[in-house]
Amino acid sequence: MKEQFTFLTVAFAKEGAKVIATDINESKLQELKTYPGIQIRVLDVTKKEEIENLAKEIERIDVLCNIAGFVHHGTILECEEQDWNFTMNLNVRSMYLMIKTFLPKARLGSS
């Protein structure tokens, strides 16, 4: 997943986009600092308050990529309820929070 995140981030920046790359782990963002047009921010996308605080720094957006995700390894019988809850929070709820927070800042109707 990290390779896809890095590829998309760099590809957008090379096309002239101003990119804000986020991750819960700052060390994963460090290599992106070397590319012009990319800002990095530590963000836990499962935390509504952190998302809202980031949104206060951003006037408008054109593209939102929700790439965070987690997959439990093993069968459903081996999956503990806390792992299931974490997966749903990260894979589903975080997308809802990001879209709900940033959609009002999107230039709707543009391509």
Protein backbone atom coordinates (compact mmCIF):
# COMPACT_ATOMS: atom_id res chain seq x y z
CA MET A 1 0.00 0.00 0.00
CA LYS A 2 2.85 2.39 0.80
CA GLU A 3 4.14 2.17 -2.77
CA GLN A 4 0.71 3.14 -4.18
CA PHE A 5 0.50 6.07 -1.76
CA THR A 6 3.97 7.30 -2.73
CA PHE A 7 3.33 6.82 -6.46
CA LEU A 8 0.05 8.78 -6.43
CA THR A 9 1.47 11.53 -4.25
CA VAL A 10 4.53 12.06 -6.43
CA ALA A 11 2.51 11.75 -9.67
CA PHE A 12 0.12 14.52 -8.60
CA ALA A 13 3.04 16.74 -7.54
CA LYS A 14 4.88 16.19 -10.84
CA GLU A 15 1.76 17.36 -12.68
CA GLY A 16 1.86 20.61 -10.72
CA ALA A 17 -0.61 19.84 -7.96
CA LYS A 18 -0.07 21.16 -4.47
CA VAL A 19 -0.24 18.00 -2.39
CA ILE A 20 -0.78 17.53 1.33
CA ALA A 21 0.27 13.98 2.17
CA THR A 22 -0.85 12.58 5.52
CA ASP A 23 -0.05 9.49 7.52
CA ILE A 24 -0.26 8.50 11.15
CA ASN A 25 3.45 7.66 11.02
CA GLU A 26 5.68 10.65 10.30
CA SER A 27 8.64 8.48 9.30
CA LYS A 28 6.64 7.14 6.35
CA LEU A 29 6.19 10.70 5.10
CA GLN A 30 9.84 11.76 5.28
CA GLU A 31 10.87 10.67 1.78
CA LEU A 32 8.08 12.82 0.31
CA LYS A 33 9.61 16.00 1.77
CA THR A 34 12.21 15.95 -1.00
CA TYR A 35 9.62 16.53 -3.75
CA PRO A 36 8.56 20.08 -4.60
CA GLY A 37 4.87 20.77 -4.11
CA ILE A 38 4.37 18.18 -1.37
CA GLN A 39 3.62 19.15 2.22
CA ILE A 40 3.44 16.47 4.87
CA ARG A 41 1.18 16.29 7.91
CA VAL A 42 0.84 13.66 10.60
CA LEU A 43 -2.84 12.71 10.77
CA ASP A 44 -4.80 9.92 12.42
CA VAL A 45 -7.78 9.62 10.06
CA THR A 46 -9.76 7.78 12.73
CA LYS A 47 -9.81 10.96 14.86
CA LYS A 48 -12.51 13.44 13.84
CA GLU A 49 -10.89 16.32 15.72
CA GLU A 50 -7.55 15.84 13.92
CA ILE A 51 -9.32 15.84 10.54
CA GLU A 52 -11.24 19.00 11.42
CA ASN A 53 -8.04 20.72 12.59
CA LEU A 54 -6.33 19.91 9.29
CA ALA A 55 -9.35 21.19 7.37
CA LYS A 56 -8.99 24.57 9.10
CA GLU A 57 -5.59 24.94 7.40
CA ILE A 58 -6.93 24.20 3.91
CA GLU A 59 -8.98 26.68 1.92
CA ARG A 60 -10.04 24.41 -0.94
CA ILE A 61 -9.26 21.06 -2.55
CA ASP A 62 -9.61 19.56 -6.00
CA VAL A 63 -8.88 15.90 -5.22
CA LEU A 64 -9.19 13.80 -2.07
CA CYS A 65 -7.54 10.36 -2.01
CA ASN A 66 -8.51 8.07 0.87
CA ILE A 67 -5.81 5.42 0.87
CA ALA A 68 -5.57 4.42 4.55
CA GLY A 69 -6.55 0.85 5.23
CA PHE A 70 -6.03 -2.28 7.29
CA VAL A 71 -6.74 -5.95 6.59
CA HIS A 72 -6.83 -8.55 9.36
CA HIS A 73 -4.78 -11.59 8.45
CA GLY A 74 -6.63 -14.79 9.16
CA THR A 75 -10.20 -16.01 9.17
CA ILE A 76 -13.20 -14.26 10.68
CA LEU A 77 -13.05 -16.85 13.46
CA GLU A 78 -9.56 -15.62 14.34
CA CYS A 79 -10.54 -11.95 14.22
CA GLU A 80 -11.11 -10.37 17.62
CA GLU A 81 -13.88 -7.79 18.01
CA GLN A 82 -11.34 -5.03 18.69
CA ASP A 83 -9.58 -5.85 15.39
CA TRP A 84 -12.93 -5.77 13.57
CA ASN A 85 -13.78 -2.40 15.12
CA PHE A 86 -10.37 -0.98 14.20
CA THR A 87 -10.76 -2.21 10.63
CA MET A 88 -14.20 -0.63 10.26
CA ASN A 89 -13.00 2.62 11.84
CA LEU A 90 -10.01 2.88 9.54
CA ASN A 91 -11.43 1.46 6.32
CA VAL A 92 -14.98 2.90 6.42
CA ARG A 93 -15.56 5.52 9.10
CA SER A 94 -12.38 7.46 8.25
CA MET A 95 -13.50 7.82 4.62
CA TYR A 96 -16.86 9.13 5.78
CA LEU A 97 -15.15 11.65 8.10
CA MET A 98 -12.70 12.82 5.43
CA ILE A 99 -15.36 13.21 2.73
CA LYS A 100 -17.82 14.93 5.05
CA THR A 101 -15.14 17.35 6.25
CA PHE A 102 -13.46 18.16 2.94
CA LEU A 103 -16.32 18.00 0.42
CA PRO A 104 -17.48 21.55 1.26
CA LYS A 105 -13.96 22.72 0.33
CA ALA A 106 -14.04 21.04 -3.09
CA ARG A 107 -14.49 22.96 -6.31
CA LEU A 108 -17.64 21.20 -7.37
CA GLY A 109 -18.47 21.14 -11.05
CA SER A 110 -14.88 21.52 -12.21
CA SER A 111 -12.87 18.80 -13.86
